[in-house]
Each structure stands twice: as C-alpha cells, then as structure tokens.
C-alpha cells in the first residue's frame, strides 16, 4: 500500500509539474498583488476551508493575504486565489461573479470534465490532478484522495516563484 501511495503521489506531482506554464502565469498574477499595493484575497471551498487559517497566518503566507468577505471589498490591485476540491456549482457561481466584476483570480481545483468548456476558458486555472481516491482496498473500494497533498505541493511551488519575482536579492 505504501508503494502504491508513493507512486500515485509522484504521478500527481508530475501532472502538476506538466502545468509549469500555467503555474508561472498564476504566480505572476499573484505577485502583482504581493509586489504592489494589493492583497491576495483567498476564497476556499470544501475541505480547503480548514486550510485557510494556514494560508492567511502561516509562516509561508503569500504577501499579506486576506480572507474573502465581499466582492465590494476587493480593490483593483488585489488578486484572488480561489481553491476548491471540485469545480461544482457553488465554485462556478463564484467564478462567474468574479468574471462579471473583472476581478483577476487564480483558480485551483480538480478538473471537472462536465464543466470542461468553462474550465478551458478560465485564464488562470491549475488542475490539482487528484479527482478521486487512489489506493485499492481488499474489497475493491478505493481510499485516500491526496488533493490536500497536491495543493500544498502546488502552493509551495507558487510561493517559491512569487518569492523569486518579488525579492530583489535574486
């Protein structure tokens, strides 16, 4: 089981790494807020709401992040980081509102093939590449969906890129 988990995690990380261009573009967008006078405003959905305090107050927070409270509180130099396990109706409605208000954002979620037309048109979208449980059990069920691992891997990647873009010592 350990070897299966390790192999599956490596595969997920490789899928994320294959999105190198999208990740760099997303980091550039978010770095505009970190380097400028804006904030990175964070909106989380699903289990990621439990990770939000770490994103807001952790040692490796992106600039001076804030939690989303209302669309009216987002200023022009702000950038949004939207994180969800699945791209469902709630997330879609939120993204549609961001678009209608011309708010710049990065969306991180698992790809939903039923919403491929929408997701394919999101300019700053990164796929978590972990849509389902992966580890088989003796009764043929599958357990462990490592979407949190996928996100933290991606988040650290964004953190390093943004640090390189905004730190004059590089």
C-alpha atoms as a PDB file:
ATOM      1  CA  UNK A   1       0.000   0.000   0.000  1.00  0.00           C
ATOM      2  CA  UNK A   2       2.811   2.430   0.831  1.00  0.00           C
ATOM      3  CA  UNK A   3       4.415   1.890  -2.557  1.00  0.00           C
ATOM      4  CA  UNK A   4       1.074   2.460  -4.304  1.00  0.00           C
ATOM      5  CA  UNK A   5       0.564   5.726  -2.417  1.00  0.00           C
ATOM      6  CA  UNK A   6       4.086   6.877  -3.199  1.00  0.00           C
ATOM      7  CA  UNK A   7       3.682   6.045  -6.886  1.00  0.00           C
ATOM      8  CA  UNK A   8       0.303   7.786  -7.080  1.00  0.00           C
ATOM      9  CA  UNK A   9       1.652  10.924  -5.365  1.00  0.00           C
ATOM     10  CA  UNK A  10       4.587  11.063  -7.769  1.00  0.00           C
ATOM     11  CA  UNK A  11       2.136  10.775 -10.683  1.00  0.00           C
ATOM     12  CA  UNK A  12       0.018  13.632  -9.299  1.00  0.00           C
ATOM     13  CA  UNK A  13       3.105  15.805  -8.779  1.00  0.00           C
ATOM     14  CA  UNK A  14       4.198  15.050 -12.341  1.00  0.00           C
ATOM     15  CA  UNK A  15       0.772  16.123 -13.642  1.00  0.00           C
ATOM     16  CA  UNK A  16       1.079  19.350 -11.680  1.00  0.00           C
ATOM     17  CA  UNK A  17       4.627  19.911 -12.964  1.00  0.00           C
ATOM     18  CA  UNK A  18       3.325  19.466 -16.516  1.00  0.00           C
ATOM     19  CA  UNK A  19       1.320  22.662 -15.938  1.00  0.00           C
ATOM     20  CA  UNK A  20       4.529  24.659 -15.467  1.00  0.00           C
ATOM     21  CA  UNK A  21       3.471  27.461 -17.799  1.00  0.00           C
ATOM     22  CA  UNK A  22       0.075  27.895 -16.123  1.00  0.00           C
ATOM     23  CA  UNK A  23       1.724  27.879 -12.696  1.00  0.00           C
ATOM     24  CA  UNK A  24       4.210  30.560 -13.705  1.00  0.00           C
ATOM     25  CA  UNK A  25       1.464  32.736 -15.199  1.00  0.00           C
ATOM     26  CA  UNK A  26      -0.583  32.315 -11.997  1.00  0.00           C
ATOM     27  CA  UNK A  27       2.456  33.225  -9.887  1.00  0.00           C
ATOM     28  CA  UNK A  28       2.978  36.379 -11.967  1.00  0.00           C
ATOM     29  CA  UNK A  29      -0.630  37.406 -11.443  1.00  0.00           C
ATOM     30  CA  UNK A  30      -0.473  36.820  -7.678  1.00  0.00           C
ATOM     31  CA  UNK A  31       2.941  38.501  -7.406  1.00  0.00           C
ATOM     32  CA  UNK A  32       1.390  41.707  -8.756  1.00  0.00           C
ATOM     33  CA  UNK A  33      -0.550  41.974  -5.508  1.00  0.00           C
ATOM     34  CA  UNK A  34       2.406  40.948  -3.333  1.00  0.00           C
ATOM     35  CA  UNK A  35       4.819  43.390  -5.001  1.00  0.00           C
ATOM     36  CA  UNK A  36       2.267  46.170  -5.499  1.00  0.00           C
ATOM     37  CA  UNK A  37      -0.247  47.765  -3.200  1.00  0.00           C
ATOM     38  CA  UNK A  38      -2.792  44.967  -3.341  1.00  0.00           C
ATOM     39  CA  UNK A  39      -3.553  41.890  -1.308  1.00  0.00           C
ATOM     40  CA  UNK A  40      -4.044  38.294  -2.240  1.00  0.00           C
ATOM     41  CA  UNK A  41      -7.626  37.605  -1.240  1.00  0.00           C
ATOM     42  CA  UNK A  42      -8.256  33.947  -0.502  1.00  0.00           C
ATOM     43  CA  UNK A  43     -11.530  32.116  -1.018  1.00  0.00           C
ATOM     44  CA  UNK A  44     -11.642  28.432  -0.151  1.00  0.00           C
ATOM     45  CA  UNK A  45     -14.316  25.809  -0.676  1.00  0.00           C
ATOM     46  CA  UNK A  46     -14.933  22.296   0.652  1.00  0.00           C
ATOM     47  CA  UNK A  47     -12.213  20.839   2.895  1.00  0.00           C
ATOM     48  CA  UNK A  48      -9.884  23.687   1.974  1.00  0.00           C
ATOM     49  CA  UNK A  49     -11.782  25.979   4.340  1.00  0.00           C
ATOM     50  CA  UNK A  50      -9.899  24.162   7.114  1.00  0.00           C
ATOM     51  CA  UNK A  51      -6.591  25.094   5.464  1.00  0.00           C
ATOM     52  CA  UNK A  52      -7.451  28.775   5.113  1.00  0.00           C
ATOM     53  CA  UNK A  53      -6.031  29.844   8.526  1.00  0.00           C
ATOM     54  CA  UNK A  54      -2.660  28.448   7.468  1.00  0.00           C
ATOM     55  CA  UNK A  55      -2.825  30.313   4.154  1.00  0.00           C
ATOM     56  CA  UNK A  56      -3.688  33.538   5.980  1.00  0.00           C
ATOM     57  CA  UNK A  57      -1.408  33.351   9.010  1.00  0.00           C
ATOM     58  CA  UNK A  58       1.203  30.665   8.325  1.00  0.00           C
ATOM     59  CA  UNK A  59       4.911  31.216   8.037  1.00  0.00           C
ATOM     60  CA  UNK A  60       4.738  30.778   4.253  1.00  0.00           C
ATOM     61  CA  UNK A  61       1.804  33.065   3.537  1.00  0.00           C
ATOM     62  CA  UNK A  62       1.753  34.874   0.211  1.00  0.00           C
ATOM     63  CA  UNK A  63       2.414  38.529   0.999  1.00  0.00           C
ATOM     64  CA  UNK A  64      -0.285  39.945   3.244  1.00  0.00           C
ATOM     65  CA  UNK A  65      -3.266  37.743   2.390  1.00  0.00           C
ATOM     66  CA  UNK A  66      -6.825  38.340   3.483  1.00  0.00           C
ATOM     67  CA  UNK A  67      -9.926  36.197   3.564  1.00  0.00           C
ATOM     68  CA  UNK A  68     -12.720  36.899   1.106  1.00  0.00           C
ATOM     69  CA  UNK A  69     -15.610  38.722   2.769  1.00  0.00           C
ATOM     70  CA  UNK A  70     -17.487  40.511  -0.025  1.00  0.00           C
ATOM     71  CA  UNK A  71     -16.956  41.375  -3.666  1.00  0.00           C
ATOM     72  CA  UNK A  72     -17.234  45.059  -2.804  1.00  0.00           C
ATOM     73  CA  UNK A  73     -14.129  44.817  -0.596  1.00  0.00           C
ATOM     74  CA  UNK A  74     -11.854  43.777  -3.454  1.00  0.00           C
ATOM     75  CA  UNK A  75      -9.826  46.657  -4.903  1.00  0.00           C
ATOM     76  CA  UNK A  76      -8.230  46.869  -8.333  1.00  0.00           C
ATOM     77  CA  UNK A  77      -4.680  45.924  -7.200  1.00  0.00           C
ATOM     78  CA  UNK A  78      -5.971  42.863  -5.308  1.00  0.00           C
ATOM     79  CA  UNK A  79      -5.755  39.365  -6.759  1.00  0.00           C
ATOM     80  CA  UNK A  80      -7.845  36.382  -5.720  1.00  0.00           C
ATOM     81  CA  UNK A  81      -6.721  32.847  -5.036  1.00  0.00           C
ATOM     82  CA  UNK A  82      -9.717  30.502  -5.248  1.00  0.00           C
ATOM     83  CA  UNK A  83      -9.137  26.953  -4.001  1.00  0.00           C
ATOM     84  CA  UNK A  84     -11.622  24.080  -4.233  1.00  0.00           C
ATOM     85  CA  UNK A  85     -11.538  20.310  -4.292  1.00  0.00           C
ATOM     86  CA  UNK A  86     -14.106  20.091  -7.082  1.00  0.00           C
ATOM     87  CA  UNK A  87     -15.405  22.586  -9.598  1.00  0.00           C
ATOM     88  CA  UNK A  88     -19.067  22.389  -8.612  1.00  0.00           C
ATOM     89  CA  UNK A  89     -21.998  24.796  -9.000  1.00  0.00           C
ATOM     90  CA  UNK A  90     -21.012  26.831  -5.943  1.00  0.00           C
ATOM     91  CA  UNK A  91     -17.496  27.396  -7.267  1.00  0.00           C
ATOM     92  CA  UNK A  92     -18.793  28.060 -10.782  1.00  0.00           C
ATOM     93  CA  UNK A  93     -21.220  30.704  -9.495  1.00  0.00           C
ATOM     94  CA  UNK A  94     -18.413  32.379  -7.547  1.00  0.00           C
ATOM     95  CA  UNK A  95     -16.069  32.364 -10.576  1.00  0.00           C
ATOM     96  CA  UNK A  96     -18.833  33.757 -12.802  1.00  0.00           C
ATOM     97  CA  UNK A  97     -19.283  36.641 -10.353  1.00  0.00           C
ATOM     98  CA  UNK A  98     -15.533  37.332 -10.346  1.00  0.00           C
ATOM     99  CA  UNK A  99     -15.568  37.452 -14.126  1.00  0.00           C
ATOM    100  CA  UNK A 100     -18.593  39.747 -14.264  1.00  0.00           C
ATOM    101  CA  UNK A 101     -16.783  42.172 -11.934  1.00  0.00           C
ATOM    102  CA  UNK A 102     -13.458  41.928 -13.815  1.00  0.00           C
ATOM    103  CA  UNK A 103     -11.630  40.669 -10.729  1.00  0.00           C
ATOM    104  CA  UNK A 104      -8.337  38.916 -11.505  1.00  0.00           C
ATOM    105  CA  UNK A 105      -8.107  35.460  -9.986  1.00  0.00           C
ATOM    106  CA  UNK A 106      -6.313  32.133  -9.962  1.00  0.00           C
ATOM    107  CA  UNK A 107      -8.492  29.032  -9.660  1.00  0.00           C
ATOM    108  CA  UNK A 108      -7.054  25.813  -8.242  1.00  0.00           C
ATOM    109  CA  UNK A 109      -9.318  22.756  -8.291  1.00  0.00           C
ATOM    110  CA  UNK A 110      -9.698  19.326  -9.759  1.00  0.00           C
ATOM    111  CA  UNK A 111     -10.788  19.288 -13.365  1.00  0.00           C
ATOM    112  CA  UNK A 112     -14.471  18.589 -13.880  1.00  0.00           C
ATOM    113  CA  UNK A 113     -14.962  17.085 -17.327  1.00  0.00           C
ATOM    114  CA  UNK A 114     -18.650  18.036 -17.178  1.00  0.00           C
ATOM    115  CA  UNK A 115     -17.555  21.681 -16.941  1.00  0.00           C
ATOM    116  CA  UNK A 116     -14.713  21.443 -19.432  1.00  0.00           C
ATOM    117  CA  UNK A 117     -15.992  24.321 -21.542  1.00  0.00           C
ATOM    118  CA  UNK A 118     -16.000  26.625 -18.527  1.00  0.00           C
ATOM    119  CA  UNK A 119     -12.655  25.452 -17.132  1.00  0.00           C
ATOM    120  CA  UNK A 120     -10.938  25.562 -20.507  1.00  0.00           C
ATOM    121  CA  UNK A 121     -11.852  29.258 -20.667  1.00  0.00           C
ATOM    122  CA  UNK A 122     -10.530  30.172 -17.215  1.00  0.00           C
ATOM    123  CA  UNK A 123      -7.293  32.001 -17.969  1.00  0.00           C
ATOM    124  CA  UNK A 124      -5.561  31.256 -14.645  1.00  0.00           C
ATOM    125  CA  UNK A 125      -6.607  27.685 -13.869  1.00  0.00           C
ATOM    126  CA  UNK A 126      -4.458  24.973 -12.306  1.00  0.00           C
ATOM    127  CA  UNK A 127      -5.689  21.392 -12.090  1.00  0.00           C
ATOM    128  CA  UNK A 128      -4.962  19.571  -8.810  1.00  0.00           C
ATOM    129  CA  UNK A 129      -4.879  16.290 -10.761  1.00  0.00           C
ATOM    130  CA  UNK A 130      -6.384  14.339  -7.866  1.00  0.00           C
ATOM    131  CA  UNK A 131     -10.102  13.871  -8.599  1.00  0.00           C
ATOM    132  CA  UNK A 132     -10.723  10.569  -6.797  1.00  0.00           C
ATOM    133  CA  UNK A 133      -9.410   8.110  -4.197  1.00  0.00           C
ATOM    134  CA  UNK A 134      -6.464   6.086  -5.463  1.00  0.00           C
ATOM    135  CA  UNK A 135      -5.484   3.265  -3.119  1.00  0.00           C
ATOM    136  CA  UNK A 136      -7.299  -0.070  -3.597  1.00  0.00           C
ATOM    137  CA  UNK A 137      -8.556  -1.996  -0.575  1.00  0.00           C
ATOM    138  CA  UNK A 138      -9.087  -5.781  -0.316  1.00  0.00           C
ATOM    139  CA  UNK A 139     -12.821  -5.351  -1.012  1.00  0.00           C
ATOM    140  CA  UNK A 140     -12.071  -3.352  -4.205  1.00  0.00           C
ATOM    141  CA  UNK A 141     -13.006   0.040  -2.789  1.00  0.00           C
ATOM    142  CA  UNK A 142     -10.536   2.863  -3.108  1.00  0.00           C
ATOM    143  CA  UNK A 143      -9.381   5.126  -0.314  1.00  0.00           C
ATOM    144  CA  UNK A 144      -7.182   8.242   0.071  1.00  0.00           C
ATOM    145  CA  UNK A 145      -7.688  11.152  -2.243  1.00  0.00           C
ATOM    146  CA  UNK A 146      -4.486  13.193  -1.856  1.00  0.00           C
ATOM    147  CA  UNK A 147      -5.882  16.515  -3.089  1.00  0.00           C
ATOM    148  CA  UNK A 148      -4.527  18.298   0.013  1.00  0.00           C
ATOM    149  CA  UNK A 149      -1.034  16.995  -0.768  1.00  0.00           C
ATOM    150  CA  UNK A 150      -1.471  18.125  -4.357  1.00  0.00           C
ATOM    151  CA  UNK A 151      -2.481  21.594  -3.228  1.00  0.00           C
ATOM    152  CA  UNK A 152       0.364  22.021  -0.728  1.00  0.00           C
ATOM    153  CA  UNK A 153       2.840  20.914  -3.400  1.00  0.00           C
ATOM    154  CA  UNK A 154       1.387  23.457  -5.814  1.00  0.00           C
ATOM    155  CA  UNK A 155       1.204  26.161  -3.122  1.00  0.00           C
ATOM    156  CA  UNK A 156       4.898  25.766  -2.281  1.00  0.00           C
ATOM    157  CA  UNK A 157       5.684  25.992  -5.976  1.00  0.00           C
ATOM    158  CA  UNK A 158       3.709  29.250  -6.214  1.00  0.00           C
ATOM    159  CA  UNK A 159       5.367  30.536  -3.033  1.00  0.00           C
ATOM    160  CA  UNK A 160       8.886  29.963  -4.393  1.00  0.00           C
ATOM    161  CA  UNK A 161       8.062  31.548  -7.758  1.00  0.00           C
ATOM    162  CA  UNK A 162       6.433  34.588  -6.154  1.00  0.00           C
ATOM    163  CA  UNK A 163       9.398  34.992  -3.808  1.00  0.00           C
ATOM    164  CA  UNK A 164      11.755  34.925  -6.785  1.00  0.00           C
ATOM    165  CA  UNK A 165       9.609  37.501  -8.603  1.00  0.00           C
ATOM    166  CA  UNK A 166       9.265  39.914  -5.684  1.00  0.00           C
ATOM    167  CA  UNK A 167      12.585  39.561  -3.836  1.00  0.00           C
ATOM    168  CA  UNK A 168      15.260  41.933  -5.125  1.00  0.00           C
ATOM    169  CA  UNK A 169      18.028  39.710  -3.717  1.00  0.00           C
ATOM    170  CA  UNK A 170      17.580  37.178  -6.535  1.00  0.00           C
END
